[in-house]
């Protein structure tokens, strides 16, 4: 608690001093100077900046300055000897499927305390998700800031129990955040209603044709809202989804459908897929998928670790093995596709899901540590449509900053040395 106590004492001294002496500078509680840290450069062509002060005003980074230059009216927080990095972005979470406020708040608290300062909620009851997002933004709860999506899917998917749970009291498919798309759908109206619901992206989920995926992506682009698609939408496959120019594609595992002779017709008709025969050449469809993703700037929300994690959670075989999921992620990276760090699962004990995902990307998929951190910060910022506001510790960005005892860009074991999380200037001390 040393860091939090230091701030409180600084504020108290400033206010009391002002009351007793007209010459004492009044401390501005909205101007905070984090002094003495080493600012870690995620671009290793640039050196780390030692003994730096991060000056924050109203939740935004004002400047990076030498410690002797700290304004007298700033509240100081001594972070000498700690390593400063941008807040982590988890690009695939669920906060309200089904809605359970107490459980969601616990899990969001755990996410924040693992270093996640922004999360992208992918298919939830927006009535609950929006309230959680509001409370997170107001710092009424310990939580990452939450960006959430509406869902577009075919009529056959509306019977899924998860759909029922996130539309309770209403008709599945007829609500703005869970839209049934069929031959009679007005795509323009559906996109407009999704935007009006407060959704910050449209998740193109399941049981949609290539033509429907293309129509949704085109209209969403016209209305300036991102499209966040599954890698396979059934019967539209990875090549067709990538060709539609969606903003992101989730689940590297589903890329493996290109190895099958035919695509499953619906989400519910999928069967577990065998691991790839590495002696065989890659099919042209997969190479074309990667090329389309690069052409459109589509980011792969890989969720690479979840299939490995699921192997220990259920006797029922998943769509992919952990090995196949890692294999597809590795191939995407090798073909120049950028990836982000999405989890799509939570842990109630042991390392957090985001730490497991980052370690999996490094140790199993084979990404360099620099690339893992870029995926978790800069690339994640693009996924949540917040480029220029999150993902860096730099002037003009939200003050989403993590302070570690050891440098986690040198060894991911140091993720466990997190001392303090700052989200838009609001501090959560972990020690």
Protein backbone atom coordinates (compact mmCIF):
# COMPACT_ATOMS: atom_id res chain seq x y z
CA UNK A 1 0.00 0.00 0.00
CA UNK A 2 3.04 2.30 -0.01
CA UNK A 3 2.13 3.88 -3.36
CA UNK A 4 -1.46 4.68 -2.49
CA UNK A 5 -0.49 5.98 0.97
CA UNK A 6 2.15 8.24 -0.55
CA UNK A 7 -0.44 9.89 -2.76
CA UNK A 8 -2.93 10.36 0.04
CA UNK A 9 -0.29 11.88 2.31
CA UNK A 10 0.84 14.22 -0.47
CA UNK A 11 -2.70 15.46 -0.96
CA UNK A 12 -3.26 15.89 2.76
CA UNK A 13 -0.04 17.82 3.29
CA UNK A 14 -0.81 20.12 0.38
CA UNK A 15 -4.33 20.90 1.55
CA UNK A 16 -3.42 21.39 5.21
CA UNK A 17 -0.39 23.49 4.31
CA UNK A 18 -2.51 25.73 2.14
CA UNK A 19 -4.89 26.33 5.01
CA UNK A 20 -2.09 27.45 7.34
CA UNK A 21 0.23 29.35 5.02
CA UNK A 22 -0.66 31.55 2.03
CA UNK A 23 2.73 30.75 0.46
CA UNK A 24 2.13 26.99 0.30
CA UNK A 25 1.32 25.63 -3.16
CA UNK A 26 -2.07 23.97 -3.35
CA UNK A 27 -1.79 20.40 -4.59
CA UNK A 28 -4.02 19.70 -7.61
CA UNK A 29 -5.53 16.21 -7.06
CA UNK A 30 -6.14 15.90 -10.81
CA UNK A 31 -2.45 16.44 -11.61
CA UNK A 32 -0.42 13.37 -10.64
CA UNK A 33 3.30 12.82 -11.12
CA UNK A 34 4.50 9.20 -11.10
CA UNK A 35 8.17 9.76 -10.36
CA UNK A 36 11.32 7.69 -10.81
CA UNK A 37 10.14 4.79 -12.99
CA UNK A 38 11.91 3.13 -15.90
CA UNK A 39 9.66 3.52 -18.93
CA UNK A 40 10.10 0.33 -20.93
CA UNK A 41 10.27 0.75 -24.70
CA UNK A 42 8.29 -1.89 -26.58
CA UNK A 43 10.24 -0.87 -29.69
CA UNK A 44 13.67 -2.27 -28.94
CA UNK A 45 15.27 0.06 -31.49
CA UNK A 46 14.73 2.68 -28.77
CA UNK A 47 16.22 2.54 -25.29
CA UNK A 48 14.23 2.42 -22.08
CA UNK A 49 13.94 5.78 -20.32
CA UNK A 50 15.20 5.65 -16.76
CA UNK A 51 14.20 7.86 -13.82
CA UNK A 52 11.28 9.28 -15.81
CA UNK A 53 8.25 11.10 -14.45
CA UNK A 54 4.88 10.40 -16.05
CA UNK A 55 2.74 13.48 -15.56
CA UNK A 56 -1.00 12.77 -15.68
CA UNK A 57 -3.82 15.29 -15.74
CA UNK A 58 -7.49 14.33 -15.59
CA UNK A 59 -6.71 10.72 -16.48
CA UNK A 60 -4.62 11.54 -19.57
CA UNK A 61 -0.83 11.52 -19.87
CA UNK A 62 0.24 15.14 -20.09
CA UNK A 63 3.97 14.68 -20.56
CA UNK A 64 7.04 12.55 -19.88
CA UNK A 65 9.59 14.66 -18.03
CA UNK A 66 12.75 14.45 -15.97
CA UNK A 67 11.94 14.11 -12.28
CA UNK A 68 13.47 17.49 -11.22
CA UNK A 69 10.97 19.22 -13.52
CA UNK A 70 7.83 18.07 -11.69
CA UNK A 71 5.37 20.97 -11.17
CA UNK A 72 5.05 22.03 -7.54
CA UNK A 73 1.26 21.62 -7.57
CA UNK A 74 1.39 17.97 -8.72
CA UNK A 75 0.60 15.15 -6.34
CA UNK A 76 3.64 12.87 -6.38
CA UNK A 77 3.57 9.09 -6.39
CA UNK A 78 7.00 7.56 -5.88
CA UNK A 79 7.52 4.63 -8.26
CA UNK A 80 11.31 4.68 -8.13
CA UNK A 81 12.84 1.42 -9.33
CA UNK A 82 9.65 0.12 -10.95
CA UNK A 83 9.16 -0.65 -14.64
CA UNK A 84 6.30 1.15 -16.40
CA UNK A 85 4.40 -0.42 -19.32
CA UNK A 86 1.07 0.21 -21.07
CA UNK A 87 -2.06 -1.47 -19.73
CA UNK A 88 -2.85 -4.85 -21.31
CA UNK A 89 -5.83 -5.21 -23.67
CA UNK A 90 -7.78 -8.48 -23.62
CA UNK A 91 -9.59 -8.59 -26.95
CA UNK A 92 -11.97 -11.44 -26.12
CA UNK A 93 -13.90 -11.51 -22.86
CA UNK A 94 -17.50 -12.24 -21.83
CA UNK A 95 -19.06 -10.30 -18.97
CA UNK A 96 -22.78 -11.15 -19.17
CA UNK A 97 -23.43 -14.60 -20.64
CA UNK A 98 -25.59 -15.22 -18.74
CA UNK A 99 -25.85 -12.01 -16.72
CA UNK A 100 -24.52 -12.46 -13.17
CA UNK A 101 -23.48 -9.12 -11.74
CA UNK A 102 -21.66 -10.40 -8.66
CA UNK A 103 -19.65 -12.97 -10.62
CA UNK A 104 -18.88 -10.46 -13.38
CA UNK A 105 -17.60 -7.87 -10.90
CA UNK A 106 -15.32 -10.44 -9.25
CA UNK A 107 -13.88 -11.55 -12.57
CA UNK A 108 -13.45 -7.98 -13.81
CA UNK A 109 -11.63 -7.12 -10.59
CA UNK A 110 -9.29 -10.08 -11.14
CA UNK A 111 -8.68 -8.96 -14.75
CA UNK A 112 -7.77 -5.44 -13.67
CA UNK A 113 -5.45 -6.74 -11.01
CA UNK A 114 -3.67 -8.89 -13.60
CA UNK A 115 -2.95 -5.76 -15.65
CA UNK A 116 -5.90 -5.69 -18.08
CA UNK A 117 -7.10 -2.09 -18.40
CA UNK A 118 -9.33 -2.60 -21.47
CA UNK A 119 -11.46 -5.59 -22.44
CA UNK A 120 -13.57 -6.32 -25.51
CA UNK A 121 -16.81 -8.07 -24.54
CA UNK A 122 -17.85 -10.40 -27.35
CA UNK A 123 -21.57 -11.32 -27.28
CA UNK A 124 -23.38 -10.64 -24.03
CA UNK A 125 -26.64 -9.27 -22.71
CA UNK A 126 -26.02 -5.61 -23.51
CA UNK A 127 -28.39 -4.50 -20.79
CA UNK A 128 -25.95 -5.91 -18.25
CA UNK A 129 -22.77 -5.25 -20.23
CA UNK A 130 -23.60 -1.59 -20.72
CA UNK A 131 -24.17 -1.07 -16.99
CA UNK A 132 -20.91 -2.82 -16.14
CA UNK A 133 -19.16 -0.67 -18.75
CA UNK A 134 -20.63 2.50 -17.27
CA UNK A 135 -19.63 1.54 -13.72
CA UNK A 136 -16.13 0.60 -14.88
CA UNK A 137 -15.70 3.94 -16.63
CA UNK A 138 -16.85 5.82 -13.52
CA UNK A 139 -14.50 3.70 -11.36
CA UNK A 140 -17.45 2.56 -9.27
CA UNK A 141 -16.05 -0.97 -9.57
CA UNK A 142 -12.53 -2.31 -10.03
CA UNK A 143 -12.65 -3.25 -13.70
CA UNK A 144 -11.04 -2.75 -17.07
CA UNK A 145 -12.84 -0.36 -19.35
CA UNK A 146 -15.27 -2.47 -21.39
CA UNK A 147 -15.93 -2.24 -25.12
CA UNK A 148 -18.90 -4.41 -26.14
CA UNK A 149 -20.47 -5.81 -29.30
CA UNK A 150 -23.81 -6.55 -30.88
CA UNK A 151 -24.22 -9.98 -32.51
CA UNK A 152 -25.50 -10.82 -35.99
CA UNK A 153 -26.28 -14.47 -36.73
CA UNK A 154 -28.54 -16.65 -38.85
CA UNK A 155 -32.02 -17.87 -37.78
CA UNK A 156 -30.80 -21.36 -36.89
CA UNK A 157 -28.44 -19.94 -34.28
CA UNK A 158 -31.24 -18.20 -32.36
CA UNK A 159 -32.09 -21.49 -30.60
CA UNK A 160 -28.65 -21.60 -28.94
CA UNK A 161 -29.09 -21.53 -25.12
CA UNK A 162 -26.62 -18.66 -24.83
CA UNK A 163 -28.80 -16.55 -27.13
CA UNK A 164 -31.78 -17.27 -24.92
CA UNK A 165 -29.86 -16.23 -21.82
CA UNK A 166 -28.79 -12.83 -23.18
CA UNK A 167 -32.23 -11.87 -24.48
CA UNK A 168 -34.32 -12.98 -21.48
CA UNK A 169 -37.79 -11.44 -21.57
CA UNK A 170 -37.47 -10.53 -25.24
CA UNK A 171 -37.55 -12.37 -28.57
CA UNK A 172 -34.14 -13.68 -29.65
CA UNK A 173 -33.19 -12.14 -32.97
CA UNK A 174 -35.50 -9.15 -32.63
CA UNK A 175 -33.36 -7.10 -30.22
CA UNK A 176 -30.70 -4.61 -31.36
CA UNK A 177 -27.80 -6.48 -29.77
CA UNK A 178 -28.80 -9.96 -30.97
CA UNK A 179 -30.04 -9.69 -34.56
CA UNK A 180 -31.40 -12.51 -36.67
CA UNK A 181 -30.16 -12.09 -40.24
CA UNK A 182 -32.06 -13.81 -43.04
CA UNK A 183 -33.09 -13.13 -46.64
CA UNK A 184 -35.68 -10.59 -45.50
CA UNK A 185 -33.39 -8.63 -43.18
CA UNK A 186 -32.81 -4.95 -43.72
CA UNK A 187 -29.04 -4.85 -43.14
CA UNK A 188 -28.92 -1.07 -43.03
CA UNK A 189 -31.59 -0.95 -40.33
CA UNK A 190 -29.96 -3.77 -38.36
CA UNK A 191 -26.58 -2.00 -38.31
CA UNK A 192 -28.24 1.30 -37.35
CA UNK A 193 -30.12 -0.34 -34.47
CA UNK A 194 -26.92 -2.04 -33.27
CA UNK A 195 -25.15 1.30 -33.18
CA UNK A 196 -28.09 2.82 -31.36
CA UNK A 197 -27.88 0.15 -28.67
CA UNK A 198 -24.45 1.50 -27.71
CA UNK A 199 -22.56 -1.42 -29.24
CA UNK A 200 -19.06 -0.43 -30.31
CA UNK A 201 -18.69 -3.23 -32.87
CA UNK A 202 -20.76 -5.87 -34.66
CA UNK A 203 -19.83 -9.48 -34.06
CA UNK A 204 -20.58 -11.58 -37.15
CA UNK A 205 -21.15 -14.84 -35.38
CA UNK A 206 -22.63 -17.90 -37.08
CA UNK A 207 -24.92 -19.49 -39.66
CA UNK A 208 -24.48 -16.80 -42.30
CA UNK A 209 -23.68 -17.06 -46.00
CA UNK A 210 -20.81 -15.35 -47.75
CA UNK A 211 -23.19 -12.81 -49.29
CA UNK A 212 -24.65 -11.96 -45.88
CA UNK A 213 -21.21 -11.53 -44.32
CA UNK A 214 -20.17 -9.25 -47.18
CA UNK A 215 -23.37 -7.17 -46.87
CA UNK A 216 -22.95 -6.71 -43.12
CA UNK A 217 -19.28 -5.78 -43.45
CA UNK A 218 -19.98 -3.27 -46.22
CA UNK A 219 -22.85 -1.55 -44.40
CA UNK A 220 -20.95 -1.46 -41.11
CA UNK A 221 -18.01 0.16 -42.86
CA UNK A 222 -20.36 2.74 -44.39
CA UNK A 223 -21.73 3.52 -40.92
CA UNK A 224 -18.22 3.54 -39.42
CA UNK A 225 -18.60 0.70 -36.94
CA UNK A 226 -16.08 -2.17 -36.77
CA UNK A 227 -16.99 -5.73 -37.74
CA UNK A 228 -15.67 -8.43 -35.43
CA UNK A 229 -16.25 -11.80 -37.10
CA UNK A 230 -15.63 -15.39 -36.18
CA UNK A 231 -12.92 -16.84 -38.41
CA UNK A 232 -15.54 -19.25 -39.76
CA UNK A 233 -19.21 -18.25 -39.82
CA UNK A 234 -20.75 -21.39 -41.39
CA UNK A 235 -21.31 -21.87 -44.20
CA UNK A 236 -19.01 -18.88 -44.91
CA UNK A 237 -15.47 -20.09 -44.28
CA UNK A 238 -12.20 -18.33 -43.40
CA UNK A 239 -11.39 -17.35 -46.99
CA UNK A 240 -14.81 -15.77 -47.48
CA UNK A 241 -14.80 -13.98 -44.12
CA UNK A 242 -11.33 -12.57 -44.79
CA UNK A 243 -12.38 -11.53 -48.29
CA UNK A 244 -15.28 -9.52 -46.85
CA UNK A 245 -12.75 -7.16 -45.25
CA UNK A 246 -13.88 -7.48 -41.64
CA UNK A 247 -11.94 -5.59 -38.97
CA UNK A 248 -11.00 -8.64 -36.90
CA UNK A 249 -11.39 -12.41 -37.03
CA UNK A 250 -11.63 -14.45 -33.81
CA UNK A 251 -10.24 -17.93 -33.11
CA UNK A 252 -7.16 -19.13 -34.99
CA UNK A 253 -8.44 -22.67 -34.53
CA UNK A 254 -11.20 -22.22 -37.10
CA UNK A 255 -8.68 -21.46 -39.84
CA UNK A 256 -8.17 -25.23 -39.95
CA UNK A 257 -11.52 -25.63 -41.70
CA UNK A 258 -9.71 -24.93 -44.96
CA UNK A 259 -8.14 -28.38 -44.67
CA UNK A 260 -11.56 -30.03 -44.79
CA UNK A 261 -13.20 -31.04 -48.08
CA UNK A 262 -16.43 -29.20 -47.17
CA UNK A 263 -17.37 -26.51 -44.65
CA UNK A 264 -19.90 -27.32 -41.93
CA UNK A 265 -23.25 -25.79 -42.87
CA UNK A 266 -24.05 -24.42 -39.42
CA UNK A 267 -22.26 -23.66 -36.16
CA UNK A 268 -24.02 -26.60 -34.55
CA UNK A 269 -22.92 -29.08 -37.23
CA UNK A 270 -19.20 -28.78 -36.52
CA UNK A 271 -17.13 -31.79 -35.55
CA UNK A 272 -13.67 -31.85 -33.91
CA UNK A 273 -10.90 -31.45 -36.47
CA UNK A 274 -7.72 -33.54 -36.66
CA UNK A 275 -4.31 -31.94 -36.28
CA UNK A 276 -2.64 -30.81 -39.49
CA UNK A 277 -0.44 -33.22 -41.41
CA UNK A 278 2.70 -31.09 -41.58
CA UNK A 279 4.12 -33.18 -44.42
CA UNK A 280 1.42 -31.83 -46.73
CA UNK A 281 1.62 -28.41 -48.42
CA UNK A 282 -0.66 -25.65 -47.22
CA UNK A 283 -3.85 -25.39 -49.26
CA UNK A 284 -4.21 -22.35 -51.48
CA UNK A 285 -7.36 -21.39 -49.59
CA UNK A 286 -5.36 -20.81 -46.42
CA UNK A 287 -2.68 -18.81 -48.21
CA UNK A 288 -5.40 -16.74 -49.88
CA UNK A 289 -7.05 -16.19 -46.49
CA UNK A 290 -3.85 -14.80 -45.02
CA UNK A 291 -3.31 -12.63 -48.10
CA UNK A 292 -6.82 -11.17 -47.79
CA UNK A 293 -6.31 -10.48 -44.09
CA UNK A 294 -3.10 -8.63 -44.84
CA UNK A 295 -4.70 -6.70 -47.69
CA UNK A 296 -7.60 -5.50 -45.52
CA UNK A 297 -5.54 -5.02 -42.36
CA UNK A 298 -7.65 -7.65 -40.58
CA UNK A 299 -6.30 -8.58 -37.16
CA UNK A 300 -6.52 -12.13 -35.85
CA UNK A 301 -7.95 -12.32 -32.32
CA UNK A 302 -6.19 -15.65 -31.97
CA UNK A 303 -7.51 -16.91 -28.59
CA UNK A 304 -4.75 -19.45 -29.03
CA UNK A 305 -4.59 -20.82 -25.48
CA UNK A 306 -8.25 -21.66 -24.90
CA UNK A 307 -8.22 -24.99 -26.72
CA UNK A 308 -5.23 -26.15 -24.71
CA UNK A 309 -7.02 -25.00 -21.55
CA UNK A 310 -10.23 -26.79 -22.54
CA UNK A 311 -8.41 -30.11 -22.82
CA UNK A 312 -8.07 -30.08 -19.02
CA UNK A 313 -11.59 -28.80 -18.36
CA UNK A 314 -13.90 -31.21 -20.16
CA UNK A 315 -13.83 -34.80 -21.42
CA UNK A 316 -15.74 -33.67 -24.51
CA UNK A 317 -13.40 -33.00 -27.45
CA UNK A 318 -13.20 -29.36 -28.56
CA UNK A 319 -13.23 -28.17 -32.15
CA UNK A 320 -9.41 -28.07 -32.07
CA UNK A 321 -6.65 -29.46 -29.96
CA UNK A 322 -4.33 -27.00 -28.28
CA UNK A 323 -1.65 -28.06 -30.74
CA UNK A 324 -3.83 -27.27 -33.77
CA UNK A 325 -4.80 -23.88 -32.36
CA UNK A 326 -1.14 -23.01 -31.79
CA UNK A 327 -0.28 -24.31 -35.25
CA UNK A 328 -2.87 -22.07 -36.94
CA UNK A 329 -1.71 -19.05 -34.92
CA UNK A 330 1.91 -19.71 -35.88
CA UNK A 331 1.04 -20.02 -39.57
CA UNK A 332 -0.90 -16.74 -39.48
CA UNK A 333 2.06 -14.92 -37.94
CA UNK A 334 4.47 -16.49 -40.42
CA UNK A 335 2.28 -15.16 -43.25
CA UNK A 336 2.31 -11.62 -41.89
CA UNK A 337 -1.04 -11.50 -40.09
CA UNK A 338 -1.09 -9.40 -36.95
CA UNK A 339 -2.60 -10.96 -33.84
CA UNK A 340 -4.04 -9.66 -30.60
CA UNK A 341 -4.24 -11.20 -27.14
CA UNK A 342 -7.77 -12.46 -26.58
CA UNK A 343 -8.55 -15.08 -23.95
CA UNK A 344 -12.24 -16.17 -24.13
CA UNK A 345 -11.89 -17.97 -20.80
CA UNK A 346 -11.32 -17.14 -17.15
CA UNK A 347 -9.38 -18.84 -14.39
CA UNK A 348 -10.54 -18.90 -10.79
CA UNK A 349 -7.17 -19.98 -9.43
CA UNK A 350 -3.54 -19.73 -10.48
CA UNK A 351 -2.29 -17.45 -13.25
CA UNK A 352 -4.87 -15.24 -14.94
CA UNK A 353 -6.14 -16.07 -18.42
CA UNK A 354 -4.32 -13.13 -20.00
CA UNK A 355 -1.01 -14.20 -18.46
CA UNK A 356 -1.55 -17.73 -19.74
CA UNK A 357 -2.36 -16.43 -23.24
CA UNK A 358 0.74 -14.24 -23.36
CA UNK A 359 2.97 -17.09 -22.14
CA UNK A 360 1.38 -19.49 -24.63
CA UNK A 361 2.03 -17.12 -27.51
CA UNK A 362 5.68 -16.93 -26.49
CA UNK A 363 6.45 -20.44 -25.32
CA UNK A 364 4.22 -22.55 -27.60
CA UNK A 365 3.41 -20.42 -30.64
CA UNK A 366 6.93 -18.99 -30.69
CA UNK A 367 6.42 -15.20 -30.72
CA UNK A 368 9.25 -13.00 -29.54
CA UNK A 369 8.54 -11.23 -26.26
CA UNK A 370 8.45 -7.87 -28.06
CA UNK A 371 5.76 -9.20 -30.41
CA UNK A 372 3.73 -10.60 -27.51
CA UNK A 373 3.70 -7.19 -25.85
CA UNK A 374 2.86 -5.42 -29.10
CA UNK A 375 -0.09 -7.79 -29.56
CA UNK A 376 -1.25 -7.09 -26.00
CA UNK A 377 -1.02 -3.31 -26.33
CA UNK A 378 -0.63 -1.53 -29.66
CA UNK A 379 -2.45 -4.13 -31.77
CA UNK A 380 -5.12 -4.56 -29.13
CA UNK A 381 -5.77 -0.83 -29.26
CA UNK A 382 -6.68 -1.15 -32.93
CA UNK A 383 -8.99 -4.06 -32.18
CA UNK A 384 -10.99 -2.04 -29.62
CA UNK A 385 -11.05 0.94 -32.01
CA UNK A 386 -9.00 3.08 -29.63
CA UNK A 387 -5.77 3.65 -31.54
CA UNK A 388 -4.14 6.84 -30.29
CA UNK A 389 -5.88 6.61 -26.91
CA UNK A 390 -4.65 3.33 -25.39
CA UNK A 391 -1.76 0.95 -26.00
CA UNK A 392 1.16 3.30 -25.30
CA UNK A 393 2.55 5.32 -22.42
CA UNK A 394 2.82 8.61 -24.27
CA UNK A 395 1.42 12.16 -24.12
CA UNK A 396 -2.21 12.34 -25.17
CA UNK A 397 -2.96 8.71 -24.29
CA UNK A 398 -5.14 7.59 -21.40
CA UNK A 399 -3.05 7.02 -18.30
CA UNK A 400 -3.34 3.22 -18.45
CA UNK A 401 -0.03 2.23 -16.89
CA UNK A 402 1.32 -0.89 -15.19
CA UNK A 403 4.18 -0.74 -12.68
CA UNK A 404 6.28 -3.89 -12.13
CA UNK A 405 9.16 -4.75 -9.83
CA UNK A 406 10.86 -6.70 -12.64
CA UNK A 407 10.75 -6.11 -16.39
CA UNK A 408 8.15 -8.47 -17.98
CA UNK A 409 9.41 -7.71 -21.48
CA UNK A 410 12.56 -9.63 -20.54
CA UNK A 411 10.80 -12.55 -18.84
CA UNK A 412 7.04 -13.12 -18.66
CA UNK A 413 7.46 -14.58 -15.18
CA UNK A 414 7.76 -10.94 -14.15
CA UNK A 415 4.05 -10.49 -14.91
CA UNK A 416 3.63 -11.73 -11.33
CA UNK A 417 5.58 -8.73 -9.96
CA UNK A 418 2.86 -6.19 -10.77
CA UNK A 419 2.74 -3.57 -8.02
CA UNK A 420 0.17 -1.06 -9.23
CA UNK A 421 -2.41 -0.66 -11.99
CA UNK A 422 -3.33 2.81 -13.21
CA UNK A 423 -6.45 3.09 -15.37
CA UNK A 424 -7.16 6.57 -16.71
CA UNK A 425 -5.23 7.95 -13.75
CA UNK A 426 -7.13 5.92 -11.16
CA UNK A 427 -4.74 3.86 -9.04
CA UNK A 428 -5.13 0.30 -7.74
CA UNK A 429 -2.24 -0.71 -5.49
CA UNK A 430 -1.60 -4.44 -5.29
CA UNK A 431 0.97 -4.44 -2.49
